[in-house]
Protein backbone atom coordinates (compact mmCIF):
# COMPACT_ATOMS: atom_id res chain seq x y z
CA MET A 1 106.90 88.07 138.53
CA ALA A 2 106.47 85.63 135.69
CA VAL A 3 103.13 84.03 134.98
CA GLU A 4 102.87 81.53 132.22
CA VAL A 5 99.53 79.94 131.24
CA ARG A 6 98.99 76.83 129.12
CA GLU A 7 95.74 75.15 128.12
CA LYS A 8 95.56 71.34 128.05
CA GLU A 9 92.86 68.79 127.21
CA GLY A 10 91.09 71.18 124.87
CA GLY A 11 90.96 73.88 127.55
CA ARG A 12 89.49 71.67 130.29
CA ILE A 13 92.79 71.95 132.20
CA LEU A 14 94.64 75.21 132.73
CA GLU A 15 98.27 75.06 133.81
CA VAL A 16 99.63 78.13 135.62
CA PHE A 17 103.33 78.51 136.25
CA LEU A 18 104.32 81.04 138.88
CA THR A 19 107.81 82.38 139.52
CA GLY A 20 108.80 85.21 141.82
CA LYS A 21 106.24 87.32 143.71
CA LEU A 22 102.72 87.51 142.43
CA ALA A 23 101.38 91.07 142.01
CA GLY A 24 97.83 92.29 141.51
CA GLU A 25 98.57 93.04 137.84
CA ASP A 26 99.45 89.38 137.28
CA TYR A 27 95.79 88.52 137.64
CA GLN A 28 95.00 90.59 134.56
CA GLU A 29 96.88 87.91 132.60
CA LEU A 30 95.45 84.87 134.42
CA VAL A 31 91.75 85.76 135.04
CA PRO A 32 90.68 86.22 131.37
CA HIS A 33 92.03 82.75 130.45
CA LEU A 34 90.22 81.12 133.31
CA GLU A 35 86.92 82.94 132.75
CA ARG A 36 86.92 82.11 129.02
CA LEU A 37 87.51 78.42 129.78
CA VAL A 38 84.80 78.36 132.47
CA LYS A 39 82.34 79.98 130.06
CA THR A 40 83.18 77.35 127.46
CA HIS A 41 83.44 74.20 129.60
CA GLY A 42 81.70 74.93 132.88
CA LYS A 43 83.92 73.47 135.54
CA ILE A 44 87.67 73.24 134.76
CA ARG A 45 90.75 71.75 136.44
CA LEU A 46 93.79 73.78 137.41
CA LEU A 47 97.47 72.96 137.85
CA VAL A 48 99.42 75.62 139.77
CA ASP A 49 103.17 75.02 139.43
CA MET A 50 105.22 77.20 141.81
CA HIS A 51 108.95 77.45 140.99
CA ASP A 52 111.11 79.84 143.02
CA PHE A 53 107.79 81.36 144.21
CA HIS A 54 107.97 84.14 146.83
CA GLY A 55 104.28 84.70 147.64
CA TRP A 56 101.81 87.46 146.98
CA THR A 57 101.94 91.23 147.37
CA ALA A 58 99.09 92.71 149.42
CA GLY A 59 97.34 93.77 146.15
CA ALA A 60 97.75 90.29 144.71
CA LEU A 61 96.37 88.68 147.85
CA TRP A 62 93.27 90.88 147.58
CA GLN A 63 92.89 89.91 143.88
CA ASP A 64 93.31 86.25 144.80
CA LEU A 65 90.55 86.45 147.46
CA LYS A 66 88.17 88.18 145.04
CA PHE A 67 88.99 85.60 142.39
CA ASP A 68 88.42 82.71 144.78
CA VAL A 69 85.00 84.04 145.88
CA LYS A 70 83.87 84.71 142.30
CA HIS A 71 85.00 81.26 141.05
CA PHE A 72 84.22 79.24 144.19
CA ASN A 73 82.27 76.57 142.19
CA ASP A 74 83.99 76.83 138.78
CA ILE A 75 87.07 74.77 139.50
CA GLU A 76 86.73 70.99 139.93
CA ARG A 77 90.23 70.02 140.88
CA VAL A 78 93.40 71.95 141.76
CA ALA A 79 96.87 70.42 141.80
CA PHE A 80 99.49 72.52 143.52
CA VAL A 81 103.05 71.56 142.53
CA CYS A 82 105.39 72.99 145.15
CA GLU A 83 109.14 73.10 145.83
CA THR A 84 109.12 73.96 149.56
CA LYS A 85 107.00 73.47 152.65
CA TRP A 86 106.38 77.23 152.70
CA GLU A 87 104.70 77.11 149.26
CA ARG A 88 102.58 74.20 150.47
CA VAL A 89 101.40 76.24 153.45
CA MET A 90 100.61 79.24 151.19
CA ALA A 91 98.68 77.03 148.80
CA ALA A 92 96.72 75.59 151.71
CA PHE A 93 95.54 79.10 152.47
CA CYS A 94 93.42 78.97 149.28
CA LYS A 95 91.65 75.72 150.16
CA PRO A 96 88.74 77.17 152.20
CA PHE A 97 87.85 79.46 149.29
CA THR A 98 86.95 76.72 146.77
CA THR A 99 84.79 73.62 146.49
CA ALA A 100 87.48 72.07 144.33
CA GLU A 101 89.27 68.90 145.35
CA VAL A 102 92.78 70.11 146.19
CA ARG A 103 95.98 68.06 146.23
CA TYR A 104 99.61 68.95 146.74
CA PHE A 105 102.51 67.45 144.83
CA ASP A 106 106.24 67.92 145.26
CA GLN A 107 108.09 69.34 142.22
CA PRO A 108 109.41 66.01 140.92
CA ALA A 109 105.82 64.63 140.84
CA VAL A 110 104.47 67.05 138.23
CA ALA A 111 103.58 64.12 135.93
CA GLU A 112 101.59 62.58 138.77
CA ALA A 113 99.77 65.82 139.26
CA ARG A 114 98.85 66.04 135.61
CA ALA A 115 97.64 62.40 135.63
CA TRP A 116 95.42 63.17 138.65
CA LEU A 117 93.92 66.20 136.92
CA GLU A 118 93.20 64.10 133.84
CA GLY A 119 91.46 61.53 136.02
CA LYS A 120 94.15 58.85 135.47
CA GLY A 121 95.42 58.84 139.04
CA ASN A 122 93.99 58.42 142.46
């Protein structure tokens, strides 16, 4: 699994790029970034870009659920950028675990997703 994390807009937006199958250990890379930004900014916005994504291991799914419960109110908007309908369904699984406004974008619309996170789009 490859997880790449980039901060944008002075850390108010966190972009997470996922490739392969997400394992529990991958959260050790992601969670500290997010928690530091939440501590600094309060609510943040998140772009999750899934490219050749194959889902979660059981351990990663557990970590994801714990993360979602802990940060239920910390994320203001989430833009999922997906390649396939399957990824869209998997991303929809997370929606009940957050108060964030969640939108889905097809891979070619990543610029539109970024504009929406920055408040420049509908």
